Protein backbone atom coordinates (compact mmCIF):
# COMPACT_ATOMS: atom_id res chain seq x y z
CA MET A 1 10.46 -18.46 -11.06
CA ALA A 2 12.85 -20.48 -13.22
CA ARG A 3 15.12 -20.02 -15.72
CA ILE A 4 16.47 -22.41 -18.27
CA ASP A 5 20.48 -22.31 -18.76
CA GLU A 6 21.88 -22.71 -22.05
CA PRO A 7 25.28 -22.85 -23.02
CA PRO A 8 26.82 -19.76 -24.76
CA GLY A 9 27.23 -20.10 -28.75
CA SER A 10 24.98 -21.18 -31.46
CA VAL A 11 21.97 -24.04 -31.00
CA ASP A 12 23.46 -25.26 -34.04
CA ASN A 13 26.28 -25.91 -32.90
CA TYR A 14 25.54 -27.54 -29.44
CA THR A 15 27.18 -30.92 -28.48
CA PRO A 16 24.41 -33.76 -27.85
CA GLU A 17 25.93 -33.65 -24.45
CA GLN A 18 24.25 -29.93 -24.30
CA ARG A 19 21.30 -30.88 -26.04
CA LYS A 20 20.49 -33.29 -23.41
CA ALA A 21 21.48 -30.96 -20.47
CA ILE A 22 18.97 -28.43 -22.02
CA LYS A 23 16.00 -30.95 -22.01
CA ASP A 24 16.79 -32.34 -18.51
CA SER A 25 16.57 -28.54 -17.38
CA ILE A 26 13.19 -27.99 -19.03
CA MET A 27 11.86 -31.40 -17.61
CA LYS A 28 12.90 -30.61 -14.23
CA GLY A 29 11.12 -27.00 -14.75
CA GLY A 30 14.63 -25.04 -14.86
CA ARG A 31 16.83 -23.41 -12.11
CA LEU A 32 15.08 -21.57 -9.85
CA THR A 33 16.07 -17.99 -9.53
CA ASN A 34 13.58 -16.26 -7.55
CA TYR A 35 11.45 -17.70 -4.31
CA ASN A 36 8.46 -15.80 -2.96
CA GLN A 37 6.48 -16.95 0.12
CA LYS A 38 3.65 -15.19 2.67
CA PHE A 39 1.63 -16.20 5.37
CA ALA A 40 -0.56 -14.90 7.67
CA LEU A 41 -2.34 -15.94 10.83
CA ASN A 42 -5.65 -14.60 12.75
CA TYR A 43 -6.98 -15.02 16.01
CA SER A 44 -9.98 -13.72 17.57
CA VAL A 45 -8.61 -13.89 21.55
CA PRO A 46 -11.83 -14.66 23.45
CA ILE A 47 -11.29 -12.02 26.04
CA ASN A 48 -15.33 -10.93 25.66
CA LYS A 49 -16.33 -14.71 27.11
CA ILE A 50 -15.10 -13.18 30.60
CA PRO A 51 -18.56 -11.33 31.97
CA MET A 52 -16.75 -8.51 33.18
CA LEU A 53 -15.21 -7.89 29.83
CA ASP A 54 -17.96 -8.82 27.31
CA TRP A 55 -18.07 -5.31 25.80
CA VAL A 56 -14.37 -5.93 24.09
CA THR A 57 -13.29 -8.00 21.18
CA LEU A 58 -9.58 -8.54 20.21
CA GLN A 59 -8.12 -9.70 16.92
CA ALA A 60 -4.49 -10.60 17.45
CA THR A 61 -2.84 -11.10 13.51
CA TYR A 62 0.79 -12.20 12.67
CA SER A 63 1.90 -12.47 9.33
CA GLY A 64 5.04 -12.67 7.55
CA GLU A 65 6.99 -13.10 4.19
CA TYR A 66 10.21 -15.03 3.28
CA HIS A 67 11.94 -13.67 -0.52
CA TRP A 68 15.02 -15.96 -2.17
CA THR A 69 17.03 -14.33 -5.26
CA ALA A 70 19.42 -16.65 -6.56
CA ALA A 71 22.77 -15.11 -7.49
CA PRO A 72 23.60 -14.51 -11.30
CA THR A 73 25.87 -17.56 -12.37
CA SER A 74 28.15 -14.94 -14.16
CA ILE A 75 29.05 -13.47 -10.41
CA ALA A 76 29.65 -16.68 -8.22
CA ASP A 77 31.41 -15.30 -5.54
CA VAL A 78 28.18 -12.84 -4.91
CA GLY A 79 26.06 -15.29 -3.29
CA ASN A 80 22.03 -15.56 -2.81
CA LEU A 81 19.85 -12.84 -1.44
CA ILE A 82 17.91 -13.52 1.19
CA GLU A 83 15.23 -11.35 2.88
CA ASN A 84 12.59 -12.15 5.73
CA ALA A 85 10.28 -10.03 7.53
CA ASN A 86 7.34 -10.30 10.25
CA ASN A 87 4.40 -8.31 11.17
CA LYS A 88 2.41 -8.89 14.69
CA GLN A 89 -0.95 -6.82 15.46
CA LEU A 90 -3.62 -6.50 17.93
CA ASN A 91 -6.65 -4.97 17.20
CA ALA A 92 -9.44 -3.99 20.51
CA SER A 93 -12.61 -2.61 19.90
CA ALA A 94 -15.33 -1.51 22.54
CA ASN A 95 -18.89 -1.48 22.37
CA LEU A 96 -19.50 1.18 24.66
CA ILE A 97 -23.48 1.39 24.94
CA THR A 98 -22.80 -2.47 26.21
CA LEU A 99 -20.50 -1.41 28.96
CA TYR A 100 -22.88 1.83 29.85
CA ASN A 101 -25.70 -0.76 30.20
CA LYS A 102 -23.92 -2.46 32.86
CA ILE A 103 -24.25 0.97 34.76
CA SER A 104 -28.37 1.20 35.79
CA TYR A 105 -28.27 4.81 35.98
CA LEU A 106 -26.91 4.98 32.67
CA LYS A 107 -28.56 1.85 31.23
CA LYS A 108 -31.98 4.05 32.29
CA LEU A 109 -30.70 7.08 30.23
CA ASN A 110 -30.11 5.01 27.49
CA GLU A 111 -33.28 3.33 27.22
CA THR A 112 -35.04 6.87 27.84
CA ASN A 113 -33.17 8.74 25.05
CA LYS A 114 -34.04 5.86 22.56
CA GLN A 115 -37.54 5.49 23.32
CA GLN A 116 -37.91 9.32 23.23
CA ASN A 117 -36.09 9.04 19.69
CA LYS A 118 -38.46 6.25 18.46
CA THR A 119 -41.82 8.63 19.43
CA ALA A 120 -40.52 11.97 18.44
CA ARG A 121 -41.72 13.41 15.15
CA PRO A 122 -40.05 15.97 13.18
CA GLU A 123 -42.46 18.14 13.65
CA ASP A 124 -41.68 18.11 17.68
CA ARG A 125 -38.22 18.99 17.16
CA TYR A 126 -38.69 22.77 16.98
CA LYS A 127 -41.38 23.22 18.78
CA ASN A 128 -39.08 25.08 21.15
CA GLU A 129 -37.96 27.84 18.80
CA GLY A 130 -41.30 29.11 17.66
CA VAL A 131 -40.54 28.57 13.91
CA PRO A 132 -42.39 25.93 12.19
CA ALA A 133 -41.01 22.64 10.72
CA LYS A 134 -41.65 23.28 7.09
CA ASP A 135 -39.85 26.95 7.40
CA LYS A 136 -36.55 25.55 9.36
CA ASN A 137 -35.21 24.57 5.81
CA LYS A 138 -35.64 27.78 4.03
CA ASN A 139 -33.03 30.01 3.23
CA LYS A 140 -33.49 33.36 4.98
CA SER A 141 -32.75 36.61 3.13
CA ALA A 142 -33.09 40.54 3.79
CA ASN A 143 -33.41 42.78 1.07
CA LYS A 144 -32.74 46.66 1.59
CA ASN A 145 -33.74 49.44 -0.48
CA LEU A 146 -30.99 52.09 -0.18
C-alpha cells in the first residue's frame, strides 16, 4: 500500500514546488507504507522409493511471511514495524493394506476376504440368523392388551 503525501494547507495555496512534489509522488506510485509477502514450498520426500518403505508417503512443507509497516510521518521517533513468521510441517501417511500384503499370511487373508465380499449376496448375510433378509429392516413392535 502506498500513500501520496501532501503538504498541510489548502490545495489552492500550494506553491509550484509543492505541486511538483505531489506530481512526482504520484508518478512514483506514492510512499510505501505497508508491504506483505508470503511464500510456501512443498516437497514430496521420495521415501516410498525404498522397497521396504513403499507403503509410506511423506510430504514436507515450509512457509514464511514477512510484513513491514511504515511509521507515521508525524511520529518520527517511533520507527517502522517489521514482523516475520515461518511454519514447518511434515505429513506422513501409511497404506496399511500395502504393508499387510508384504506378509504372506496377511496377504492370503486379505485376498480371501476380498473374494468373499465380491461373491456374497445380501440374502446370504442373514442366513445363519434365521431371519429372511427382507424382514431384517422392518421395525419390530409388540402390542399388549391390558
